[in-house]
Amino acid sequence: MKTKSLLLNLLSGIVGGGIVLAGVLLFASPKEADKSESQLVYNEQKSDDIPVSKVALGGNAMGSTDFCNAAEKCMPAVVHIKTSYNQPTYTLYDFIFGTQSAMQVSASGSGVIVSSDGYIVTNNHVIENAEVIEVVMNNKKSYTGKVIGRDATTDLALLKIEASDLPYLTYGNSDDLRIGEWVLAIGNPFNLTSTVTAGIVSAKARNIDANSGNQVIESYIQTDAAVNPGSSGGALVNAKGELVGINSAIASQTGSYVGYSFAIPVNMVRKIVADLAEFGSAQRAYMGIEMMDLNSQTAKKLNIDDVDGVYVARVVSGGAAEKSGISVGDIILAVNDTKVNSATELLEIISLYRPGANVTLDVKSGSSTRKVDMTLQNRYGGTELAKSESINDLGAHFEPVSDQLKSRLRIRNGIQVSDLTAGKLAASGIQNGFIIVRANNKNINSVQDLENAIKSSGNAIFLEGIYPNGMTGYYALKLN
């Protein structure tokens, strides 16, 4: 009996010990797992790359970019732009009685404050026909906007409001953007003010022919951040809250966002804004070439070994390229040590310079590569910078005519229309580039000459001039 009792006690002890050991293991494991998860969160939060927020989902710690700070910082500097203008209409009554009616047209878009004293950048197409521009701040305060300058080639415009101590966005560096990097689009789509969407950079130096048929520079940042009508002119910012682009276009067959949006790179924006603020018009530099992208088919056709660089298809006589020794068949590989592999990339880099600037190209001729120094020119073959002046009543900016253009057109004087807004010149049919040579039979050499002619002309003025293609024009303007 004693032996049986001893064995029973021993068995009970073994079972009890097993139960205790199992309990220790069962309740100790979660504590070790908690310690491991806490260490993971701590290590990720120590990262200096981007702010990280933690979300517990299914027992795992997952990281996601936190845009709250960037959105809060940037929203006050993005404005709502409302425009209106009178569009002429012709009714049967107008036809019978010789009158003209007008219908008021309203539109809206977005803009970005880039200085505390009220300079605002937006798209040219947002304010192109505007007679009245209203700028509405994020806090609903409203101002009247004045056009400082416009550039249809890059679809950018600079406005000014009379205000101070405004919130504004600082420029980032669009060259530093990486494919896959997170960005925010901020604007006013469908009049939904202060809308923020997020996406990634999908591509760079994208040409989408948004302004087909016009002389334009397109080198867009492509993103999948949702952008819709009304977002044009709004901000594309990085996770730090820096301005990296101006939202400008979408690729859509419906007119609404379907997955692709496009922004003008801020490095181009910064240069154009500086030009418009200082000169009233963009100071565009030209190389004097026609270029072509290379691919396997074109390389084989041209008997070229590889597809790197940009092929020179034509050299303009007297242009910067010809003067620097570049010939048809050369391949441009880099500009100031920045590689280029498409015409779009090359145009974007050159757009950052003014006429008279010197650049160094890596050029391949046959099997050899050489460095070529080039002085960029203006559109007339010179290196001068042209400051434009405006006459508000006419709705236009004017700039001097270069000596080269005067010589080519065989004229001795004149001022050139560099930028048209809604006004009397545009209403009369005058187009950009027109050179006013005479007004009421008086030679015009300056904007002051034209202003004097207007003051002494009474109710109407007769303008004579010529376009850069040699076509002459005659226009009668009613002033009152």
Protein backbone atom coordinates (compact mmCIF):
# COMPACT_ATOMS: atom_id res chain seq x y z
CA MET A 1 0.00 0.00 0.00
CA LYS A 2 2.84 2.35 0.89
CA THR A 3 4.48 1.66 -2.42
CA LYS A 4 1.22 2.31 -4.30
CA SER A 5 0.69 5.58 -2.42
CA LEU A 6 4.25 6.72 -3.18
CA LEU A 7 3.83 6.09 -6.89
CA LEU A 8 0.51 7.98 -6.92
CA ASN A 9 2.09 11.03 -5.25
CA LEU A 10 5.00 10.97 -7.69
CA LEU A 11 2.64 10.85 -10.70
CA SER A 12 0.60 13.75 -9.30
CA GLY A 13 3.78 15.79 -8.90
CA ILE A 14 4.85 15.19 -12.48
CA VAL A 15 1.42 16.17 -13.83
CA GLY A 16 1.31 19.30 -11.65
CA GLY A 17 4.78 20.33 -12.72
CA GLY A 18 3.80 19.91 -16.36
CA ILE A 19 0.76 22.12 -15.85
CA VAL A 20 2.86 24.84 -14.21
CA LEU A 21 5.47 24.70 -16.97
CA ALA A 22 2.80 24.94 -19.67
CA GLY A 23 1.27 27.94 -17.95
CA VAL A 24 4.62 29.71 -17.77
CA LEU A 25 5.26 29.15 -21.46
CA LEU A 26 1.72 30.12 -22.46
CA PHE A 27 1.67 33.45 -20.63
CA ALA A 28 5.32 34.35 -21.21
CA SER A 29 5.24 34.15 -25.06
CA PRO A 30 2.96 37.15 -25.69
CA LYS A 31 5.20 39.33 -23.53
CA GLU A 32 8.23 38.41 -25.62
CA ALA A 33 6.23 39.12 -28.82
CA ASP A 34 5.14 42.53 -27.47
CA LYS A 35 8.75 43.39 -26.72
CA SER A 36 9.79 42.44 -30.26
CA GLU A 37 6.98 44.52 -31.86
CA SER A 38 7.76 47.55 -29.71
CA GLN A 39 11.39 47.41 -30.81
CA LEU A 40 10.31 47.28 -34.50
CA VAL A 41 8.13 50.36 -34.09
CA TYR A 42 10.95 52.21 -32.33
CA ASN A 43 13.44 51.42 -35.08
CA GLU A 44 11.10 52.61 -37.84
CA GLN A 45 10.29 55.81 -36.00
CA LYS A 46 13.99 56.58 -35.79
CA SER A 47 14.18 56.76 -39.60
CA ASP A 48 15.21 60.20 -40.90
CA ASP A 49 13.82 59.67 -44.40
CA ILE A 50 10.09 60.36 -44.05
CA PRO A 51 7.65 60.66 -41.17
CA VAL A 52 6.02 57.30 -40.42
CA SER A 53 2.73 56.55 -38.75
CA LYS A 54 1.90 53.14 -37.24
CA VAL A 55 -1.29 51.25 -37.86
CA ALA A 56 -1.99 47.98 -36.03
CA LEU A 57 -3.68 45.70 -38.54
CA GLY A 58 -4.03 41.98 -38.02
CA GLY A 59 -1.31 42.04 -35.38
CA ASN A 60 1.30 43.65 -37.73
CA ALA A 61 2.90 47.08 -37.67
CA MET A 62 2.60 48.76 -41.08
CA GLY A 63 4.24 52.04 -42.19
CA SER A 64 2.49 54.74 -44.25
CA THR A 65 3.64 58.22 -45.26
CA ASP A 66 2.10 60.93 -43.06
CA PHE A 67 1.01 63.91 -45.20
CA CYS A 68 -0.81 65.77 -42.43
CA ASN A 69 2.01 68.23 -41.73
CA ALA A 70 2.67 68.89 -45.43
CA ALA A 71 -1.03 69.45 -46.16
CA GLU A 72 -1.49 71.73 -43.16
CA LYS A 73 1.56 73.76 -44.16
CA CYS A 74 0.68 74.11 -47.85
CA MET A 75 -3.10 74.59 -47.98
CA PRO A 76 -3.07 78.28 -46.87
CA ALA A 77 -0.73 79.12 -49.78
CA VAL A 78 -2.99 77.63 -52.50
CA VAL A 79 -5.68 80.03 -53.74
CA HIS A 80 -8.90 79.80 -55.72
CA ILE A 81 -8.83 81.90 -58.92
CA LYS A 82 -12.13 83.03 -60.42
CA THR A 83 -12.21 84.78 -63.78
CA SER A 84 -14.82 86.35 -66.01
CA TYR A 85 -14.89 87.97 -69.42
CA ASN A 86 -17.42 89.11 -72.01
CA GLN A 87 -17.65 86.88 -75.05
CA PRO A 88 -19.12 88.57 -78.15
CA THR A 89 -22.32 87.03 -79.46
CA TYR A 90 -24.23 87.80 -82.62
CA THR A 91 -28.02 87.58 -82.67
CA LEU A 92 -30.54 88.33 -85.41
CA TYR A 93 -31.24 91.66 -83.66
CA ASP A 94 -27.52 92.52 -83.83
CA PHE A 95 -27.42 91.63 -87.51
CA ILE A 96 -30.44 93.82 -88.36
CA PHE A 97 -29.51 96.86 -86.28
CA GLY A 98 -25.72 96.63 -86.52
CA THR A 99 -25.17 96.14 -82.81
CA GLN A 100 -23.12 93.60 -80.88
CA SER A 101 -24.13 91.67 -77.79
CA ALA A 102 -21.93 89.96 -75.24
CA MET A 103 -22.34 87.05 -72.88
CA GLN A 104 -20.41 86.94 -69.62
CA VAL A 105 -18.33 83.79 -69.26
CA SER A 106 -17.00 82.64 -65.90
CA ALA A 107 -14.27 80.12 -65.15
CA SER A 108 -12.11 79.08 -62.23
CA GLY A 109 -8.83 77.44 -61.37
CA SER A 110 -6.11 77.45 -58.75
CA GLY A 111 -2.91 79.32 -57.98
CA VAL A 112 0.08 79.16 -55.64
CA ILE A 113 1.42 82.06 -53.58
CA VAL A 114 5.21 82.15 -54.05
CA SER A 115 6.08 85.28 -52.06
CA SER A 116 4.77 86.97 -48.92
CA ASP A 117 4.00 90.18 -50.84
CA GLY A 118 1.41 88.58 -53.11
CA TYR A 119 3.00 87.07 -56.21
CA ILE A 120 0.95 84.09 -57.42
CA VAL A 121 1.83 81.56 -60.11
CA THR A 122 -0.90 79.78 -62.06
CA ASN A 123 -1.51 78.31 -65.51
CA ASN A 124 -1.78 80.63 -68.48
CA HIS A 125 -4.94 78.86 -69.62
CA VAL A 126 -6.61 79.70 -66.28
CA ILE A 127 -6.44 83.48 -66.88
CA GLU A 128 -5.91 83.64 -70.65
CA ASN A 129 -9.11 85.52 -71.58
CA ALA A 130 -9.83 87.08 -68.20
CA GLU A 131 -11.05 90.64 -67.91
CA VAL A 132 -11.68 90.32 -64.17
CA ILE A 133 -9.58 88.11 -61.88
CA GLU A 134 -10.66 87.37 -58.32
CA VAL A 135 -8.22 85.62 -55.99
CA VAL A 136 -9.87 83.89 -53.02
CA MET A 137 -7.62 82.85 -50.16
CA ASN A 138 -7.92 79.68 -48.12
CA ASN A 139 -9.44 81.83 -45.33
CA LYS A 140 -12.08 83.09 -47.84
CA LYS A 141 -10.61 86.59 -48.04
CA SER A 142 -10.80 87.95 -51.58
CA TYR A 143 -8.46 90.15 -53.67
CA THR A 144 -8.32 91.48 -57.21
CA GLY A 145 -5.54 89.90 -59.24
CA LYS A 146 -3.35 91.78 -61.72
CA VAL A 147 -1.54 89.97 -64.55
CA ILE A 148 2.21 90.61 -64.37
CA GLY A 149 3.02 88.39 -67.32
CA ARG A 150 2.02 85.26 -69.19
CA ASP A 151 3.92 82.60 -71.11
CA ALA A 152 1.82 80.41 -73.38
CA THR A 153 4.84 78.31 -74.32
CA THR A 154 5.09 76.82 -70.82
CA ASP A 155 1.43 77.51 -69.88
CA LEU A 156 2.46 79.67 -66.92
CA ALA A 157 1.28 83.07 -65.71
CA LEU A 158 2.25 85.37 -62.84
CA LEU A 159 -0.34 87.39 -60.91
CA LYS A 160 0.00 89.98 -58.17
CA ILE A 161 -2.39 90.94 -55.37
CA GLU A 162 -1.98 93.89 -53.03
CA ALA A 163 -1.31 92.17 -49.72
CA SER A 164 1.55 91.45 -47.32
CA ASP A 165 2.67 88.82 -44.83
CA LEU A 166 0.96 86.10 -46.84
CA PRO A 167 1.66 82.38 -46.43
CA TYR A 168 3.69 81.09 -49.37
CA LEU A 169 5.34 77.90 -50.60
CA THR A 170 9.08 77.48 -50.87
CA TYR A 171 10.58 76.01 -54.02
CA GLY A 172 11.84 72.45 -53.95
CA ASN A 173 13.99 70.84 -56.63
CA SER A 174 12.09 68.93 -59.29
CA ASP A 175 15.31 67.36 -60.55
CA ASP A 176 15.57 65.51 -57.24
CA LEU A 177 12.15 63.88 -57.60
CA ARG A 178 12.34 60.11 -57.89
CA ILE A 179 9.96 57.74 -59.65
CA GLY A 180 7.74 56.27 -56.95
CA GLU A 181 8.12 59.24 -54.58
CA TRP A 182 4.95 60.36 -52.79
CA VAL A 183 3.49 63.77 -53.69
CA LEU A 184 0.39 65.83 -52.87
CA ALA A 185 -1.81 67.73 -55.32
CA ILE A 186 -3.62 70.73 -53.81
CA GLY A 187 -6.24 72.74 -55.68
CA ASN A 188 -9.91 73.57 -56.18
CA PRO A 189 -11.46 70.94 -58.48
CA PHE A 190 -15.10 71.51 -59.41
CA ASN A 191 -15.06 74.56 -57.05
CA LEU A 192 -14.38 72.23 -54.10
CA THR A 193 -11.94 74.54 -52.36
CA SER A 194 -8.75 73.38 -50.67
CA THR A 195 -8.85 69.79 -51.90
CA VAL A 196 -5.82 67.58 -51.20
CA THR A 197 -5.07 64.32 -53.01
CA ALA A 198 -2.03 62.05 -52.85
CA GLY A 199 -0.16 59.90 -55.34
CA ILE A 200 3.29 58.94 -56.53
CA VAL A 201 5.55 60.26 -59.25
CA SER A 202 4.82 57.96 -62.18
CA ALA A 203 7.19 59.44 -64.77
CA LYS A 204 9.30 62.53 -65.55
CA ALA A 205 9.96 64.57 -68.70
CA ARG A 206 6.63 63.46 -70.16
CA ASN A 207 5.37 65.03 -73.41
CA ILE A 208 1.62 64.59 -73.90
CA ASP A 209 0.96 67.10 -76.73
CA ALA A 210 -1.58 68.91 -74.58
CA ASN A 211 -1.16 72.00 -76.77
CA SER A 212 -0.86 70.33 -80.12
CA GLY A 213 -0.21 72.74 -82.96
CA ASN A 214 1.35 75.42 -80.77
CA GLN A 215 5.00 76.09 -80.03
CA VAL A 216 5.17 74.72 -76.50
CA ILE A 217 7.63 73.21 -74.07
CA GLU A 218 6.22 70.10 -72.42
CA SER A 219 8.28 68.19 -69.90
CA TYR A 220 5.69 67.21 -67.34
CA ILE A 221 5.94 65.36 -64.05
CA GLN A 222 3.38 62.56 -64.35
CA THR A 223 1.62 61.45 -61.15
CA ASP A 224 -1.41 59.42 -60.16
CA ALA A 225 -2.64 62.08 -57.71
CA ALA A 226 -6.24 62.90 -58.61
CA VAL A 227 -6.52 66.22 -60.49
CA ASN A 228 -9.73 67.53 -62.07
CA PRO A 229 -10.97 70.69 -63.83
CA GLY A 230 -10.39 73.57 -61.42
CA SER A 231 -7.14 72.05 -60.12
CA SER A 232 -5.14 73.71 -62.92
CA GLY A 233 -2.56 76.07 -61.48
CA GLY A 234 -2.56 74.31 -58.11
CA ALA A 235 0.40 72.96 -56.19
CA LEU A 236 2.24 69.68 -56.45
CA VAL A 237 4.27 69.31 -53.25
CA ASN A 238 6.53 66.67 -51.78
CA ALA A 239 6.26 65.10 -48.33
CA LYS A 240 8.33 67.97 -46.89
CA GLY A 241 5.77 70.52 -48.08
CA GLU A 242 8.04 71.96 -50.80
CA LEU A 243 6.61 73.07 -54.14
CA VAL A 244 7.84 70.68 -56.84
CA GLY A 245 5.36 71.43 -59.65
CA ILE A 246 2.31 73.32 -60.89
CA ASN A 247 -0.59 71.03 -61.81
CA SER A 248 -1.52 71.70 -65.40
CA ALA A 249 -3.18 68.87 -67.30
CA ILE A 250 -4.84 65.47 -67.21
CA ALA A 251 -4.95 62.71 -69.82
CA SER A 252 -8.61 61.89 -70.22
CA GLN A 253 -11.24 61.23 -72.88
CA THR A 254 -14.00 62.29 -70.50
CA GLY A 255 -12.63 65.61 -69.24
CA SER A 256 -12.31 64.22 -65.73
CA TYR A 257 -9.50 62.40 -63.94
CA VAL A 258 -8.98 58.80 -65.04
CA GLY A 259 -5.64 58.05 -63.41
CA TYR A 260 -3.04 60.37 -64.93
CA SER A 261 -2.19 63.97 -64.06
CA PHE A 262 0.67 66.19 -65.17
CA ALA A 263 2.55 69.05 -63.52
CA ILE A 264 5.07 71.60 -64.79
CA PRO A 265 8.41 71.02 -62.98
CA VAL A 266 9.16 73.68 -60.38
CA ASN A 267 12.67 74.31 -61.73
CA MET A 268 11.05 75.53 -64.95
CA VAL A 269 8.41 77.42 -62.96
CA ARG A 270 11.03 79.24 -60.90
CA LYS A 271 12.85 80.49 -64.00
CA ILE A 272 9.70 81.64 -65.81
CA VAL A 273 8.38 83.39 -62.67
CA ALA A 274 11.67 85.27 -62.35
CA ASP A 275 11.47 86.30 -66.03
CA LEU A 276 7.87 87.49 -65.78
CA ALA A 277 8.54 89.44 -62.59
CA GLU A 278 11.63 91.18 -63.99
CA PHE A 279 10.84 91.55 -67.70
CA GLY A 280 7.08 90.97 -68.07
CA SER A 281 7.74 88.14 -70.53
CA ALA A 282 9.71 84.90 -70.63
CA GLN A 283 13.31 85.17 -71.80
CA ARG A 284 13.59 82.03 -73.88
CA ALA A 285 16.90 80.60 -75.05
CA TYR A 286 17.30 78.71 -78.32
CA MET A 287 19.93 76.30 -79.62
CA GLY A 288 18.94 76.65 -83.26
CA ILE A 289 18.36 72.98 -84.03
CA GLU A 290 15.59 70.54 -84.86
CA MET A 291 16.00 67.31 -82.92
CA MET A 292 14.75 63.75 -82.92
CA ASP A 293 14.52 60.99 -80.34
CA LEU A 294 16.42 57.78 -81.02
CA ASN A 295 15.01 54.27 -80.79
CA SER A 296 16.00 50.93 -82.27
CA GLN A 297 14.22 51.62 -85.58
CA THR A 298 15.58 55.16 -86.12
CA ALA A 299 19.07 54.14 -85.01
CA LYS A 300 19.11 51.29 -87.53
CA LYS A 301 17.81 53.57 -90.29
CA LEU A 302 20.46 56.20 -89.51
CA ASN A 303 23.17 53.55 -89.12
CA ILE A 304 23.79 54.47 -85.48
CA ASP A 305 25.17 51.94 -83.02
CA ASP A 306 23.07 52.84 -79.95
CA VAL A 307 20.05 54.89 -78.90
CA ASP A 308 21.61 57.17 -76.29
CA GLY A 309 21.23 60.94 -76.65
CA VAL A 310 19.27 63.26 -78.95
CA TYR A 311 19.80 63.28 -82.71
CA VAL A 312 20.36 66.62 -84.49
CA ALA A 313 18.08 66.50 -87.55
CA ARG A 314 18.52 70.12 -88.72
CA VAL A 315 20.75 73.07 -87.90
CA VAL A 316 19.37 76.59 -88.30
CA SER A 317 21.59 78.89 -90.32
CA GLY A 318 23.23 81.49 -88.10
CA GLY A 319 21.92 79.83 -84.93
CA ALA A 320 23.79 78.99 -81.75
CA ALA A 321 24.39 75.38 -82.79
CA GLU A 322 25.89 76.27 -86.16
CA LYS A 323 28.16 78.87 -84.56
CA SER A 324 29.40 76.29 -82.06
CA GLY A 325 30.22 73.75 -84.77
CA ILE A 326 27.33 71.31 -84.41
CA SER A 327 26.23 69.56 -87.61
CA VAL A 328 23.32 67.44 -88.78
CA GLY A 329 23.88 63.86 -87.61
CA ASP A 330 25.55 64.84 -84.35
CA ILE A 331 24.11 63.36 -81.16
CA ILE A 332 23.80 65.47 -78.01
CA LEU A 333 24.50 63.29 -74.98
CA ALA A 334 24.56 65.81 -72.12
CA VAL A 335 24.18 69.49 -71.20
CA ASN A 336 26.50 70.74 -68.46
CA ASP A 337 27.18 67.10 -67.51
CA THR A 338 23.45 66.31 -67.19
CA LYS A 339 22.62 63.39 -69.47
CA VAL A 340 19.75 63.77 -71.95
CA ASN A 341 18.03 60.89 -73.67
CA SER A 342 15.04 62.60 -75.29
CA ALA A 343 14.18 65.87 -76.97
CA THR A 344 11.83 66.61 -74.07
CA GLU A 345 14.64 66.34 -71.53
CA LEU A 346 16.89 68.54 -73.66
CA LEU A 347 14.19 71.21 -74.06
CA GLU A 348 13.53 71.21 -70.31
CA ILE A 349 17.19 71.85 -69.51
CA ILE A 350 17.59 74.61 -72.11
CA SER A 351 14.37 76.25 -70.87
CA LEU A 352 16.15 76.99 -67.58
CA TYR A 353 18.56 79.41 -69.30
CA ARG A 354 18.22 82.89 -70.75
CA PRO A 355 19.63 84.13 -74.07
CA GLY A 356 23.33 84.86 -73.72
CA ALA A 357 23.93 82.00 -71.29
CA ASN A 358 26.84 79.65 -71.99
CA VAL A 359 26.38 75.89 -71.82
CA THR A 360 28.70 72.96 -72.47
CA LEU A 361 27.41 70.01 -74.47
CA ASP A 362 28.71 66.47 -74.79
CA VAL A 363 28.37 65.78 -78.52
CA LYS A 364 28.98 62.53 -80.35
CA SER A 365 30.07 62.68 -83.99
CA GLY A 366 30.51 59.27 -85.53
CA SER A 367 32.56 57.24 -83.04
CA SER A 368 34.14 60.21 -81.23
CA THR A 369 32.75 62.40 -78.43
CA ARG A 370 33.74 65.99 -77.77
CA LYS A 371 32.86 68.95 -75.54
CA VAL A 372 31.14 71.86 -77.29
CA ASP A 373 30.72 75.33 -75.76
CA MET A 374 27.57 77.11 -76.92
CA THR A 375 26.17 80.61 -76.33
CA LEU A 376 22.38 80.39 -76.41
CA GLN A 377 20.40 82.90 -78.46
CA ASN A 378 16.99 84.55 -78.41
CA ARG A 379 14.38 83.74 -81.05
CA TYR A 380 15.82 86.40 -83.38
CA GLY A 381 19.38 85.10 -83.30
CA GLY A 382 20.75 87.60 -80.80
CA THR A 383 21.56 87.43 -77.11
CA GLU A 384 19.63 90.49 -75.88
CA LEU A 385 17.04 90.30 -73.11
CA ALA A 386 13.81 92.13 -73.93
CA LYS A 387 11.79 93.91 -71.23
CA SER A 388 8.11 94.23 -72.09
CA GLU A 389 5.83 97.13 -71.21
CA SER A 390 2.05 97.10 -71.11
CA ILE A 391 -0.83 99.37 -72.00
CA ASN A 392 -3.75 98.15 -69.92
CA ASP A 393 -6.42 99.74 -72.12
CA LEU A 394 -5.22 97.71 -75.09
CA GLY A 395 -4.76 94.45 -73.17
CA ALA A 396 -1.23 93.75 -74.33
CA HIS A 397 2.45 93.75 -73.48
CA PHE A 398 5.01 95.12 -75.92
CA GLU A 399 8.74 94.67 -76.37
CA PRO A 400 11.37 96.22 -78.65
CA VAL A 401 12.02 94.69 -82.06
CA SER A 402 15.47 93.17 -82.42
CA ASP A 403 17.86 94.53 -85.03
CA GLN A 404 17.97 91.11 -86.69
CA LEU A 405 14.19 91.03 -87.14
CA LYS A 406 14.11 94.62 -88.40
CA SER A 407 16.75 93.76 -90.98
CA ARG A 408 14.92 90.62 -92.10
CA LEU A 409 11.57 92.42 -92.43
CA ARG A 410 13.19 95.57 -93.86
CA ILE A 411 11.64 97.92 -91.32
CA ARG A 412 13.35 100.68 -89.37
CA ASN A 413 11.07 100.99 -86.37
CA GLY A 414 8.20 99.40 -84.45
CA ILE A 415 7.21 97.68 -81.22
CA GLN A 416 6.12 94.06 -81.01
CA VAL A 417 3.10 92.59 -79.26
CA SER A 418 4.58 89.99 -76.90
CA ASP A 419 1.54 89.03 -74.88
CA LEU A 420 -2.16 89.52 -75.50
CA THR A 421 -4.86 89.44 -72.86
CA ALA A 422 -8.55 90.21 -73.22
CA GLY A 423 -8.69 93.76 -74.58
CA LYS A 424 -9.03 95.99 -77.60
CA LEU A 425 -6.11 94.55 -79.58
CA ALA A 426 -7.32 90.97 -79.24
CA ALA A 427 -10.89 92.02 -80.06
CA SER A 428 -9.69 93.67 -83.28
CA GLY A 429 -8.02 90.45 -84.46
CA ILE A 430 -4.39 91.34 -83.74
CA GLN A 431 -2.29 88.32 -82.77
CA ASN A 432 0.86 87.81 -80.72
CA GLY A 433 4.02 88.80 -82.58
CA PHE A 434 2.44 91.65 -84.55
CA ILE A 435 4.80 94.62 -84.96
CA ILE A 436 3.11 98.02 -84.81
CA VAL A 437 5.07 100.21 -87.22
CA ARG A 438 2.71 103.19 -87.48
CA ALA A 439 -0.29 104.53 -85.59
CA ASN A 440 -2.42 107.18 -87.30
CA ASN A 441 0.41 107.59 -89.85
CA LYS A 442 3.00 108.32 -87.13
CA ASN A 443 6.07 106.12 -86.77
CA ILE A 444 6.12 104.09 -83.54
CA ASN A 445 9.47 103.46 -81.86
CA SER A 446 8.42 102.90 -78.26
CA VAL A 447 5.46 102.19 -76.01
CA GLN A 448 5.46 105.88 -75.11
CA ASP A 449 5.00 106.75 -78.80
CA LEU A 450 1.96 104.48 -78.95
CA GLU A 451 0.50 105.93 -75.75
CA ASN A 452 0.93 109.45 -77.15
CA ALA A 453 -0.79 108.42 -80.38
CA ILE A 454 -3.71 106.98 -78.42
CA LYS A 455 -4.10 110.15 -76.32
CA SER A 456 -4.24 112.37 -79.41
CA SER A 457 -6.40 110.10 -81.55
CA GLY A 458 -9.84 110.71 -80.06
CA ASN A 459 -12.28 107.80 -80.32
CA ALA A 460 -10.36 105.59 -82.76
CA ILE A 461 -6.85 104.71 -83.89
CA PHE A 462 -5.54 103.11 -87.08
CA LEU A 463 -2.58 100.72 -86.72
CA GLU A 464 -0.24 99.54 -89.47
CA GLY A 465 2.29 96.79 -89.03
CA ILE A 466 3.77 93.46 -89.98
CA TYR A 467 4.03 89.93 -88.59
CA PRO A 468 7.37 88.06 -88.28
CA ASN A 469 6.39 85.88 -91.28
CA GLY A 470 6.22 89.01 -93.46
CA MET A 471 2.43 89.34 -93.60
CA THR A 472 1.28 92.94 -93.25
CA GLY A 473 -1.71 93.97 -91.18
CA TYR A 474 -4.00 97.00 -90.86
CA TYR A 475 -6.37 97.42 -87.94
CA ALA A 476 -8.83 100.11 -86.89
CA LEU A 477 -9.53 100.19 -83.13
CA LYS A 478 -12.41 101.92 -81.45
CA LEU A 479 -11.10 103.31 -78.17
CA ASN A 480 -14.28 104.48 -76.45
